[in-house]
Amino acid sequence: MSGFTRDTQRYGDKLVYEALGSKWRRYHDTHCGCGLNWVTEHAEPAGFTVVRSGTGWVALTGPGLTEDVDESALTTDALWKAVTGKPGTGWVELVHVIDRTQAAPKDRKRTGADPAARRERPAKAAPEPATDKQLKYLTTLAGKVGRERFDAAFNTVVHGTEIAPRGTDEKTGQALRRLTKAAARKLITALVGP
């Protein structure tokens, strides 16, 4: 989950907002829909600084987010407004402090596979893209059920995944090509059902 973080090993003495890239990309696609990168086209021009990015996370600092704000009442309103163009809701978030001192790893119990095996695991677990057969069948179904029902089913199926909802100007074929094999299977079931 995204959140405000203090991690001296990664960020020094800076308070940062660690934004989960897929989550904020979904917010941007849903509310802005410009099709551009939310970090370079919205967050950075609004004055936010990328402290670190990679592995799906973007650590940000900036005015109204981590600078010149009351730390007991931190919100993401400034970032929300920059990314979506709409005012935030004022939800207060606490700071998550991560202790990565040299003493911490000694006390920690070792579990699971060795680090090399853990690095290999994500590559093996990468989701498979939808098959050609699935895409062809979904294209046929989309023509039969109509755009409104297709859009509703598509957005329901991708909710909670890293796949963004269908854009307003996105063609059916483009949206379908973004699906994973599992998501395509769920969409077929949703469209074939009553």
N, C-alpha and C. Protein backbone atom coordinates (compact mmCIF):
# COMPACT_ATOMS: atom_id res chain seq x y z
N MET A 1 0.84 -1.19 0.00
CA MET A 1 0.00 0.00 0.00
C MET A 1 0.87 1.24 0.00
N SER A 2 0.35 2.30 -0.55
CA SER A 2 1.05 3.57 -0.52
C SER A 2 1.00 4.14 0.89
N GLY A 3 1.96 5.01 1.20
CA GLY A 3 1.92 5.65 2.51
C GLY A 3 3.13 6.49 2.79
N PHE A 4 3.05 7.31 3.85
CA PHE A 4 4.15 8.14 4.28
C PHE A 4 5.15 7.28 5.04
N THR A 5 6.43 7.46 4.74
CA THR A 5 7.46 6.57 5.28
C THR A 5 8.69 7.34 5.73
N ARG A 6 9.27 6.85 6.82
CA ARG A 6 10.61 7.27 7.24
C ARG A 6 11.47 6.02 7.22
N ASP A 7 12.46 6.01 6.36
CA ASP A 7 13.36 4.87 6.24
C ASP A 7 14.76 5.45 6.03
N THR A 8 15.54 5.53 7.12
CA THR A 8 16.83 6.20 7.05
C THR A 8 17.79 5.52 6.08
N GLN A 9 17.70 4.22 5.92
CA GLN A 9 18.60 3.52 5.01
C GLN A 9 18.32 3.87 3.56
N ARG A 10 17.06 3.99 3.19
CA ARG A 10 16.71 4.28 1.81
C ARG A 10 16.63 5.77 1.50
N TYR A 11 16.10 6.57 2.44
CA TYR A 11 15.81 7.96 2.14
C TYR A 11 16.55 8.97 3.02
N GLY A 12 17.46 8.51 3.85
CA GLY A 12 18.15 9.43 4.75
C GLY A 12 17.19 9.95 5.79
N ASP A 13 17.25 11.24 6.08
CA ASP A 13 16.36 11.80 7.10
C ASP A 13 15.07 12.37 6.50
N LYS A 14 14.81 12.10 5.23
CA LYS A 14 13.63 12.64 4.56
C LYS A 14 12.37 11.85 4.89
N LEU A 15 11.29 12.57 5.05
CA LEU A 15 9.97 11.97 5.09
C LEU A 15 9.51 11.90 3.64
N VAL A 16 9.10 10.72 3.18
CA VAL A 16 8.67 10.57 1.79
C VAL A 16 7.28 9.96 1.75
N TYR A 17 6.64 10.13 0.61
CA TYR A 17 5.39 9.42 0.35
C TYR A 17 5.72 8.34 -0.66
N GLU A 18 5.61 7.08 -0.24
CA GLU A 18 5.85 5.96 -1.15
C GLU A 18 4.54 5.66 -1.88
N ALA A 19 4.53 5.97 -3.16
CA ALA A 19 3.33 5.77 -3.97
C ALA A 19 3.45 4.45 -4.73
N LEU A 20 2.48 3.57 -4.54
CA LEU A 20 2.44 2.34 -5.32
C LEU A 20 2.04 2.72 -6.74
N GLY A 21 2.96 2.47 -7.68
CA GLY A 21 2.77 2.94 -9.06
C GLY A 21 1.48 2.50 -9.71
N SER A 22 1.11 1.23 -9.55
CA SER A 22 -0.11 0.72 -10.20
C SER A 22 -1.36 1.39 -9.63
N LYS A 23 -1.37 1.64 -8.33
CA LYS A 23 -2.52 2.27 -7.68
C LYS A 23 -2.71 3.70 -8.21
N TRP A 24 -1.62 4.49 -8.21
CA TRP A 24 -1.72 5.87 -8.67
C TRP A 24 -1.93 5.94 -10.17
N ARG A 25 -1.45 4.98 -10.93
CA ARG A 25 -1.71 4.94 -12.37
C ARG A 25 -3.21 4.73 -12.61
N ARG A 26 -3.83 3.85 -11.80
CA ARG A 26 -5.28 3.63 -11.92
C ARG A 26 -6.05 4.91 -11.58
N TYR A 27 -5.66 5.58 -10.50
CA TYR A 27 -6.32 6.84 -10.14
C TYR A 27 -6.23 7.81 -11.32
N HIS A 28 -5.04 7.94 -11.88
CA HIS A 28 -4.81 8.86 -12.99
C HIS A 28 -5.63 8.49 -14.20
N ASP A 29 -5.62 7.21 -14.58
CA ASP A 29 -6.37 6.76 -15.75
C ASP A 29 -7.86 6.98 -15.58
N THR A 30 -8.36 6.75 -14.36
CA THR A 30 -9.79 6.90 -14.09
C THR A 30 -10.23 8.35 -14.09
N HIS A 31 -9.47 9.22 -13.44
CA HIS A 31 -9.91 10.59 -13.24
C HIS A 31 -9.38 11.60 -14.25
N CYS A 32 -8.22 11.34 -14.83
CA CYS A 32 -7.63 12.29 -15.79
C CYS A 32 -7.80 11.77 -17.22
N GLY A 33 -7.30 10.56 -17.46
CA GLY A 33 -7.47 9.94 -18.77
C GLY A 33 -6.66 10.56 -19.89
N CYS A 34 -5.60 11.30 -19.57
CA CYS A 34 -4.81 11.93 -20.64
C CYS A 34 -3.89 10.93 -21.32
N GLY A 35 -3.67 9.76 -20.69
CA GLY A 35 -2.82 8.74 -21.28
C GLY A 35 -1.33 8.97 -21.10
N LEU A 36 -0.95 10.00 -20.35
CA LEU A 36 0.45 10.31 -20.13
C LEU A 36 0.92 9.73 -18.80
N ASN A 37 2.23 9.78 -18.55
CA ASN A 37 2.80 9.27 -17.31
C ASN A 37 2.44 10.22 -16.17
N TRP A 38 1.83 9.71 -15.11
CA TRP A 38 1.35 10.56 -14.03
C TRP A 38 2.48 11.22 -13.25
N VAL A 39 3.66 10.55 -13.19
CA VAL A 39 4.78 11.12 -12.44
C VAL A 39 5.40 12.28 -13.20
N THR A 40 5.80 12.04 -14.45
CA THR A 40 6.51 13.08 -15.21
C THR A 40 5.59 14.19 -15.71
N GLU A 41 4.33 13.88 -15.96
CA GLU A 41 3.43 14.89 -16.54
C GLU A 41 2.58 15.62 -15.52
N HIS A 42 2.43 15.07 -14.30
CA HIS A 42 1.57 15.72 -13.30
C HIS A 42 2.30 15.98 -11.99
N ALA A 43 2.94 14.95 -11.42
CA ALA A 43 3.56 15.11 -10.10
C ALA A 43 4.77 16.04 -10.15
N GLU A 44 5.70 15.80 -11.07
CA GLU A 44 6.91 16.64 -11.12
C GLU A 44 6.60 18.10 -11.49
N PRO A 45 5.72 18.38 -12.49
CA PRO A 45 5.41 19.78 -12.77
C PRO A 45 4.71 20.48 -11.60
N ALA A 46 4.06 19.72 -10.72
CA ALA A 46 3.39 20.32 -9.56
C ALA A 46 4.37 20.61 -8.43
N GLY A 47 5.65 20.26 -8.61
CA GLY A 47 6.66 20.58 -7.60
C GLY A 47 7.13 19.41 -6.77
N PHE A 48 6.62 18.22 -7.03
CA PHE A 48 7.05 17.05 -6.28
C PHE A 48 8.37 16.54 -6.84
N THR A 49 9.20 16.00 -5.96
CA THR A 49 10.50 15.48 -6.34
C THR A 49 10.51 13.97 -6.16
N VAL A 50 10.99 13.26 -7.18
CA VAL A 50 11.12 11.81 -7.08
C VAL A 50 12.43 11.52 -6.36
N VAL A 51 12.33 10.93 -5.17
CA VAL A 51 13.50 10.60 -4.37
C VAL A 51 14.08 9.27 -4.83
N ARG A 52 13.19 8.34 -5.13
CA ARG A 52 13.62 7.01 -5.56
C ARG A 52 12.45 6.35 -6.27
N SER A 53 12.75 5.57 -7.32
CA SER A 53 11.68 4.83 -7.98
C SER A 53 12.21 3.49 -8.42
N GLY A 54 11.31 2.57 -8.63
CA GLY A 54 11.68 1.24 -9.08
C GLY A 54 10.85 0.19 -8.38
N THR A 55 10.79 -0.98 -8.95
CA THR A 55 10.01 -2.12 -8.44
C THR A 55 8.57 -1.74 -8.12
N GLY A 56 7.99 -0.86 -8.94
CA GLY A 56 6.59 -0.52 -8.78
C GLY A 56 6.31 0.60 -7.79
N TRP A 57 7.35 1.17 -7.17
CA TRP A 57 7.17 2.23 -6.17
C TRP A 57 7.83 3.51 -6.65
N VAL A 58 7.24 4.63 -6.26
CA VAL A 58 7.83 5.94 -6.50
C VAL A 58 7.79 6.70 -5.18
N ALA A 59 8.96 7.05 -4.64
CA ALA A 59 9.02 7.81 -3.40
C ALA A 59 9.08 9.29 -3.73
N LEU A 60 8.12 10.05 -3.21
CA LEU A 60 8.00 11.47 -3.54
C LEU A 60 8.11 12.36 -2.31
N THR A 61 8.64 13.55 -2.52
CA THR A 61 8.59 14.60 -1.50
C THR A 61 8.09 15.84 -2.20
N GLY A 62 7.64 16.80 -1.41
CA GLY A 62 7.22 18.04 -2.05
C GLY A 62 6.28 18.86 -1.22
N PRO A 63 6.04 20.08 -1.66
CA PRO A 63 5.19 21.00 -0.91
C PRO A 63 3.75 20.51 -0.82
N GLY A 64 3.21 20.59 0.36
CA GLY A 64 1.83 20.16 0.58
C GLY A 64 1.70 18.66 0.77
N LEU A 65 2.77 17.93 0.50
CA LEU A 65 2.73 16.47 0.66
C LEU A 65 3.60 16.08 1.86
N THR A 66 4.88 16.41 1.80
CA THR A 66 5.78 16.10 2.92
C THR A 66 6.51 17.33 3.43
N GLU A 67 6.44 18.43 2.71
CA GLU A 67 7.12 19.66 3.13
C GLU A 67 6.09 20.72 3.49
N ASP A 68 6.39 21.47 4.55
CA ASP A 68 5.52 22.55 5.01
C ASP A 68 4.14 22.05 5.41
N VAL A 69 4.08 20.85 6.03
CA VAL A 69 2.80 20.31 6.49
C VAL A 69 2.94 19.84 7.93
N ASP A 70 1.82 19.77 8.62
CA ASP A 70 1.78 19.26 9.98
C ASP A 70 1.86 17.73 9.90
N GLU A 71 2.93 17.15 10.45
CA GLU A 71 3.13 15.70 10.32
C GLU A 71 2.07 14.88 11.04
N SER A 72 1.33 15.48 11.95
CA SER A 72 0.27 14.73 12.62
C SER A 72 -1.02 14.73 11.79
N ALA A 73 -1.02 15.47 10.70
CA ALA A 73 -2.22 15.54 9.85
C ALA A 73 -1.84 15.41 8.38
N LEU A 74 -0.99 14.44 8.05
CA LEU A 74 -0.54 14.26 6.67
C LEU A 74 -1.67 13.72 5.79
N THR A 75 -1.81 14.29 4.62
CA THR A 75 -2.77 13.79 3.63
C THR A 75 -2.09 13.75 2.26
N THR A 76 -2.72 13.07 1.32
CA THR A 76 -2.20 13.03 -0.05
C THR A 76 -2.98 13.99 -0.94
N ASP A 77 -3.69 14.95 -0.33
CA ASP A 77 -4.54 15.86 -1.11
C ASP A 77 -3.78 16.60 -2.20
N ALA A 78 -2.56 17.08 -1.88
CA ALA A 78 -1.79 17.85 -2.88
C ALA A 78 -1.43 16.97 -4.08
N LEU A 79 -1.02 15.72 -3.81
CA LEU A 79 -0.67 14.80 -4.90
C LEU A 79 -1.93 14.40 -5.67
N TRP A 80 -3.01 14.15 -4.95
CA TRP A 80 -4.28 13.78 -5.59
C TRP A 80 -4.72 14.86 -6.57
N LYS A 81 -4.65 16.13 -6.13
CA LYS A 81 -5.06 17.23 -6.99
C LYS A 81 -4.15 17.34 -8.21
N ALA A 82 -2.85 17.14 -8.01
CA ALA A 82 -1.92 17.23 -9.14
C ALA A 82 -2.16 16.12 -10.15
N VAL A 83 -2.43 14.90 -9.66
CA VAL A 83 -2.56 13.73 -10.54
C VAL A 83 -3.94 13.63 -11.19
N THR A 84 -4.99 13.94 -10.43
CA THR A 84 -6.35 13.76 -10.95
C THR A 84 -7.04 15.05 -11.35
N GLY A 85 -6.53 16.19 -10.86
CA GLY A 85 -7.17 17.46 -11.16
C GLY A 85 -8.37 17.74 -10.28
N LYS A 86 -8.60 16.92 -9.27
CA LYS A 86 -9.75 17.10 -8.38
C LYS A 86 -9.27 17.29 -6.95
N PRO A 87 -10.04 17.99 -6.11
CA PRO A 87 -9.61 18.19 -4.73
C PRO A 87 -9.62 16.87 -3.96
N GLY A 88 -8.73 16.76 -2.97
CA GLY A 88 -8.64 15.55 -2.15
C GLY A 88 -9.73 15.50 -1.10
N THR A 89 -9.74 14.42 -0.35
CA THR A 89 -10.79 14.22 0.66
C THR A 89 -10.31 14.50 2.07
N GLY A 90 -9.03 14.82 2.26
CA GLY A 90 -8.54 15.18 3.57
C GLY A 90 -8.32 14.01 4.52
N TRP A 91 -8.15 12.82 4.01
CA TRP A 91 -7.89 11.67 4.88
C TRP A 91 -6.49 11.76 5.45
N VAL A 92 -6.41 11.68 6.74
CA VAL A 92 -5.12 11.77 7.42
C VAL A 92 -4.45 10.40 7.43
N GLU A 93 -3.14 10.36 7.13
CA GLU A 93 -2.39 9.11 7.14
C GLU A 93 -1.22 9.24 8.11
N LEU A 94 -0.91 8.16 8.81
CA LEU A 94 0.20 8.14 9.75
C LEU A 94 1.51 7.85 9.02
N VAL A 95 2.62 8.19 9.67
CA VAL A 95 3.94 7.91 9.11
C VAL A 95 4.35 6.51 9.53
N HIS A 96 4.79 5.72 8.58
CA HIS A 96 5.28 4.36 8.84
C HIS A 96 6.79 4.46 8.96
N VAL A 97 7.32 4.10 10.14
CA VAL A 97 8.76 4.16 10.37
C VAL A 97 9.34 2.77 10.20
N ILE A 98 10.37 2.65 9.35
CA ILE A 98 11.00 1.36 9.09
C ILE A 98 12.41 1.38 9.68
N ASP A 99 12.70 0.43 10.54
CA ASP A 99 14.00 0.33 11.18
C ASP A 99 14.85 -0.67 10.42
N ARG A 100 15.87 -0.18 9.74
CA ARG A 100 16.77 -1.04 8.99
C ARG A 100 18.20 -0.92 9.53
N THR A 101 18.31 -0.79 10.84
CA THR A 101 19.64 -0.66 11.43
C THR A 101 20.38 -1.98 11.30
N GLN A 102 21.68 -1.95 11.57
CA GLN A 102 22.50 -3.15 11.49
C GLN A 102 22.05 -4.20 12.49
N ALA A 103 21.51 -3.80 13.64
CA ALA A 103 21.09 -4.75 14.67
C ALA A 103 19.81 -5.49 14.29
N ALA A 104 18.96 -4.86 13.51
CA ALA A 104 17.66 -5.45 13.18
C ALA A 104 17.76 -6.80 12.47
N PRO A 105 18.62 -6.97 11.44
CA PRO A 105 18.65 -8.26 10.74
C PRO A 105 19.09 -9.43 11.63
N LYS A 106 19.92 -9.19 12.66
CA LYS A 106 20.38 -10.28 13.52
C LYS A 106 19.22 -10.90 14.30
N ASP A 107 18.29 -10.04 14.74
CA ASP A 107 17.16 -10.53 15.53
C ASP A 107 16.08 -11.16 14.68
N ARG A 108 16.09 -10.84 13.40
CA ARG A 108 15.04 -11.32 12.51
C ARG A 108 15.25 -12.80 12.19
N LYS A 109 14.17 -13.57 12.23
CA LYS A 109 14.26 -14.99 11.90
C LYS A 109 14.29 -15.15 10.39
N ARG A 110 15.07 -16.10 9.95
CA ARG A 110 15.17 -16.37 8.52
C ARG A 110 14.07 -17.36 8.15
N THR A 111 13.29 -17.01 7.17
CA THR A 111 12.22 -17.89 6.72
C THR A 111 12.26 -18.00 5.21
N GLY A 112 11.69 -19.05 4.70
CA GLY A 112 11.55 -19.20 3.26
C GLY A 112 12.85 -19.53 2.56
N ALA A 113 12.83 -19.32 1.26
CA ALA A 113 13.97 -19.67 0.40
C ALA A 113 15.10 -18.66 0.54
N ASP A 114 16.23 -19.01 0.01
CA ASP A 114 17.37 -18.10 0.04
C ASP A 114 17.09 -16.92 -0.90
N PRO A 115 17.83 -15.81 -0.77
CA PRO A 115 17.55 -14.61 -1.57
C PRO A 115 17.57 -14.84 -3.08
N ALA A 116 18.45 -15.70 -3.57
CA ALA A 116 18.51 -15.95 -5.02
C ALA A 116 17.21 -16.59 -5.50
N ALA A 117 16.68 -17.51 -4.73
CA ALA A 117 15.42 -18.16 -5.11
C ALA A 117 14.26 -17.18 -5.04
N ARG A 118 14.28 -16.26 -4.06
CA ARG A 118 13.22 -15.26 -3.96
C ARG A 118 13.25 -14.30 -5.14
N ARG A 119 14.44 -13.99 -5.65
CA ARG A 119 14.53 -13.11 -6.82
C ARG A 119 14.00 -13.79 -8.07
N GLU A 120 14.16 -15.10 -8.17
CA GLU A 120 13.69 -15.83 -9.35
C GLU A 120 12.17 -15.97 -9.35
N ARG A 121 11.57 -16.04 -8.18
CA ARG A 121 10.15 -16.30 -8.06
C ARG A 121 9.28 -15.31 -8.83
N PRO A 122 9.49 -13.98 -8.73
CA PRO A 122 8.62 -13.07 -9.48
C PRO A 122 8.65 -13.29 -10.98
N ALA A 123 9.79 -13.65 -11.53
CA ALA A 123 9.86 -13.89 -12.98
C ALA A 123 8.99 -15.08 -13.36
N LYS A 124 9.00 -16.12 -12.53
CA LYS A 124 8.18 -17.30 -12.83
C LYS A 124 6.70 -17.02 -12.63
N ALA A 125 6.37 -16.12 -11.70
CA ALA A 125 4.98 -15.85 -11.37
C ALA A 125 4.35 -14.74 -12.22
N ALA A 126 5.07 -14.24 -13.20
CA ALA A 126 4.53 -13.17 -14.04
C ALA A 126 3.27 -13.66 -14.73
N PRO A 127 2.21 -12.85 -14.73
CA PRO A 127 0.95 -13.28 -15.35
C PRO A 127 1.08 -13.47 -16.85
N GLU A 128 0.43 -14.51 -17.35
CA GLU A 128 0.45 -14.78 -18.78
C GLU A 128 -0.55 -13.87 -19.49
N PRO A 129 -0.19 -13.34 -20.65
CA PRO A 129 -1.16 -12.53 -21.40
C PRO A 129 -2.29 -13.41 -21.95
N ALA A 130 -3.40 -12.78 -22.24
CA ALA A 130 -4.54 -13.51 -22.79
C ALA A 130 -4.14 -14.19 -24.10
N THR A 131 -4.72 -15.36 -24.35
CA THR A 131 -4.39 -16.11 -25.56
C THR A 131 -5.14 -15.52 -26.76
N ASP A 132 -4.68 -15.86 -27.95
CA ASP A 132 -5.34 -15.39 -29.18
C ASP A 132 -6.78 -15.87 -29.23
N LYS A 133 -7.03 -17.11 -28.79
CA LYS A 133 -8.40 -17.66 -28.80
C LYS A 133 -9.30 -16.84 -27.88
N GLN A 134 -8.78 -16.51 -26.68
CA GLN A 134 -9.56 -15.72 -25.74
C GLN A 134 -9.88 -14.34 -26.33
N LEU A 135 -8.89 -13.71 -26.93
CA LEU A 135 -9.09 -12.38 -27.50
C LEU A 135 -10.12 -12.40 -28.63
N LYS A 136 -10.04 -13.43 -29.47
CA LYS A 136 -10.99 -13.54 -30.58
C LYS A 136 -12.41 -13.74 -30.05
N TYR A 137 -12.56 -14.63 -29.06
CA TYR A 137 -13.87 -14.89 -28.49
C TYR A 137 -14.42 -13.65 -27.78
N LEU A 138 -13.56 -12.92 -27.05
CA LEU A 138 -13.99 -11.71 -26.36
C LEU A 138 -14.40 -10.61 -27.33
N THR A 139 -13.72 -10.52 -28.46
CA THR A 139 -14.09 -9.54 -29.49
C THR A 139 -15.50 -9.84 -30.01
N THR A 140 -15.78 -11.12 -30.23
CA THR A 140 -17.12 -11.52 -30.68
C THR A 140 -18.16 -11.21 -29.61
N LEU A 141 -17.86 -11.55 -28.36
CA LEU A 141 -18.80 -11.28 -27.27
C LEU A 141 -19.05 -9.78 -27.10
N ALA A 142 -18.01 -8.97 -27.23
CA ALA A 142 -18.15 -7.52 -27.08
C ALA A 142 -19.14 -6.97 -28.11
N GLY A 143 -19.08 -7.50 -29.33
CA GLY A 143 -20.01 -7.06 -30.37
C GLY A 143 -21.44 -7.46 -30.07
N LYS A 144 -21.62 -8.61 -29.39
CA LYS A 144 -22.97 -9.10 -29.09
C LYS A 144 -23.61 -8.39 -27.90
N VAL A 145 -22.83 -8.12 -26.86
CA VAL A 145 -23.43 -7.59 -25.63
C VAL A 145 -23.53 -6.07 -25.61
N GLY A 146 -22.81 -5.37 -26.46
CA GLY A 146 -22.85 -3.91 -26.49
C GLY A 146 -21.79 -3.30 -25.60
N ARG A 147 -21.44 -2.06 -25.92
CA ARG A 147 -20.33 -1.39 -25.22
C ARG A 147 -20.61 -1.17 -23.74
N GLU A 148 -21.81 -0.78 -23.39
CA GLU A 148 -22.11 -0.45 -21.99
C GLU A 148 -21.93 -1.66 -21.08
N ARG A 149 -22.49 -2.80 -21.48
CA ARG A 149 -22.35 -4.01 -20.67
C ARG A 149 -20.90 -4.50 -20.68
N PHE A 150 -20.24 -4.40 -21.82
CA PHE A 150 -18.84 -4.83 -21.91
C PHE A 150 -17.96 -3.99 -20.98
N ASP A 151 -18.15 -2.65 -21.02
CA ASP A 151 -17.34 -1.76 -20.17
C ASP A 151 -17.56 -2.07 -18.69
N ALA A 152 -18.81 -2.28 -18.31
CA ALA A 152 -19.11 -2.58 -16.91
C ALA A 152 -18.44 -3.88 -16.48
N ALA A 153 -18.54 -4.91 -17.31
CA ALA A 153 -17.93 -6.20 -16.98
C ALA A 153 -16.41 -6.09 -16.97
N PHE A 154 -15.84 -5.39 -17.94
CA PHE A 154 -14.38 -5.23 -18.02
C PHE A 154 -13.85 -4.55 -16.76
N ASN A 155 -14.48 -3.43 -16.39
CA ASN A 155 -14.00 -2.67 -15.23
C ASN A 155 -14.18 -3.45 -13.93
N THR A 156 -15.22 -4.27 -13.84
CA THR A 156 -15.43 -5.11 -12.66
C THR A 156 -14.34 -6.18 -12.57
N VAL A 157 -14.02 -6.79 -13.69
CA VAL A 157 -13.01 -7.86 -13.72
C VAL A 157 -11.62 -7.34 -13.37
N VAL A 158 -11.25 -6.15 -13.86
CA VAL A 158 -9.89 -5.64 -13.62
C VAL A 158 -9.76 -4.90 -12.30
N HIS A 159 -10.88 -4.65 -11.60
CA HIS A 159 -10.83 -3.95 -10.31
C HIS A 159 -9.96 -4.74 -9.33
N GLY A 160 -9.02 -4.07 -8.70
CA GLY A 160 -8.15 -4.71 -7.73
C GLY A 160 -6.93 -5.39 -8.34
N THR A 161 -6.77 -5.28 -9.66
CA THR A 161 -5.60 -5.85 -10.33
C THR A 161 -4.71 -4.70 -10.80
N GLU A 162 -3.61 -5.02 -11.43
CA GLU A 162 -2.74 -3.98 -11.96
C GLU A 162 -3.19 -3.50 -13.34
N ILE A 163 -4.27 -4.07 -13.84
CA ILE A 163 -4.80 -3.67 -15.14
C ILE A 163 -5.71 -2.47 -14.93
N ALA A 164 -5.46 -1.40 -15.66
CA ALA A 164 -6.26 -0.18 -15.52
C ALA A 164 -7.63 -0.38 -16.16
N PRO A 165 -8.66 0.34 -15.65
CA PRO A 165 -9.97 0.27 -16.28
C PRO A 165 -9.90 0.78 -17.72
N ARG A 166 -10.93 0.47 -18.49
CA ARG A 166 -10.94 0.88 -19.89
C ARG A 166 -11.06 2.39 -19.99
N GLY A 167 -10.22 2.99 -20.81
CA GLY A 167 -10.25 4.43 -21.03
C GLY A 167 -11.44 4.81 -21.89
N THR A 168 -11.86 6.05 -21.81
CA THR A 168 -13.05 6.50 -22.54
C THR A 168 -12.87 6.41 -24.06
N ASP A 169 -11.67 6.69 -24.55
CA ASP A 169 -11.43 6.64 -26.00
C ASP A 169 -10.69 5.38 -26.42
N GLU A 170 -10.51 4.45 -25.50
CA GLU A 170 -9.75 3.23 -25.82
C GLU A 170 -10.61 2.26 -26.63
N LYS A 171 -10.05 1.74 -27.68
CA LYS A 171 -10.77 0.78 -28.52
C LYS A 171 -10.84 -0.57 -27.80
N THR A 172 -11.84 -1.36 -28.17
CA THR A 172 -12.06 -2.66 -27.53
C THR A 172 -10.83 -3.55 -27.67
N GLY A 173 -10.25 -3.60 -28.85
CA GLY A 173 -9.07 -4.45 -29.07
C GLY A 173 -7.90 -4.04 -28.20
N GLN A 174 -7.70 -2.73 -28.01
CA GLN A 174 -6.61 -2.25 -27.16
C GLN A 174 -6.84 -2.68 -25.72
N ALA A 175 -8.06 -2.53 -25.25
CA ALA A 175 -8.38 -2.91 -23.87
C ALA A 175 -8.18 -4.41 -23.67
N LEU A 176 -8.62 -5.19 -24.63
CA LEU A 176 -8.51 -6.65 -24.51
C LEU A 176 -7.06 -7.11 -24.48
N ARG A 177 -6.20 -6.46 -25.26
CA ARG A 177 -4.79 -6.87 -25.31
C ARG A 177 -4.06 -6.63 -23.99
N ARG A 178 -4.63 -5.81 -23.11
CA ARG A 178 -4.01 -5.56 -21.81
C ARG A 178 -4.36 -6.64 -20.78
N LEU A 179 -5.30 -7.51 -21.12
CA LEU A 179 -5.76 -8.53 -20.16
C LEU A 179 -4.77 -9.67 -19.99
N THR A 180 -4.77 -10.22 -18.79
CA THR A 180 -4.02 -11.44 -18.54
C THR A 180 -4.92 -12.62 -18.89
N LYS A 181 -4.35 -13.80 -18.92
CA LYS A 181 -5.12 -15.00 -19.23
C LYS A 181 -6.25 -15.20 -18.21
N ALA A 182 -5.92 -15.00 -16.92
CA ALA A 182 -6.93 -15.18 -15.86
C ALA A 182 -8.02 -14.13 -15.95
N ALA A 183 -7.65 -12.87 -16.21
CA ALA A 183 -8.65 -11.80 -16.32
C ALA A 183 -9.54 -12.03 -17.53
N ALA A 184 -8.98 -12.51 -18.64
CA ALA A 184 -9.77 -12.80 -19.84
C ALA A 184 -10.79 -13.90 -19.54
N ARG A 185 -10.36 -14.92 -18.80
CA ARG A 185 -11.27 -16.01 -18.43
C ARG A 185 -12.44 -15.47 -17.59
N LYS A 186 -12.15 -14.58 -16.64
CA LYS A 186 -13.20 -14.00 -15.80
C LYS A 186 -14.15 -13.13 -16.62
N LEU A 187 -13.59 -12.38 -17.58
CA LEU A 187 -14.42 -11.52 -18.41
C LEU A 187 -15.34 -12.34 -19.30
N ILE A 188 -14.84 -13.43 -19.83
CA ILE A 188 -15.67 -14.33 -20.65
C ILE A 188 -16.84 -14.83 -19.82
N THR A 189 -16.55 -15.30 -18.61
CA THR A 189 -17.60 -15.80 -17.71
C THR A 189 -18.63 -14.73 -17.42
N ALA A 190 -18.16 -13.48 -17.16
CA ALA A 190 -19.08 -12.39 -16.86
C ALA A 190 -19.97 -12.03 -18.05
N LEU A 191 -19.43 -12.09 -19.25
CA LEU A 191 -20.20 -11.72 -20.43
C LEU A 191 -21.14 -12.82 -20.92
N VAL A 192 -20.75 -14.08 -20.69
CA VAL A 192 -21.58 -15.20 -21.12
C VAL A 192 -22.77 -15.39 -20.19
N GLY A 193 -22.57 -15.05 -18.91
CA GLY A 193 -23.62 -15.22 -17.90
C GLY A 193 -24.82 -14.35 -18.19
N PRO A 194 -25.88 -14.51 -17.37
CA PRO A 194 -27.13 -13.75 -17.60
C PRO A 194 -26.98 -12.26 -17.45
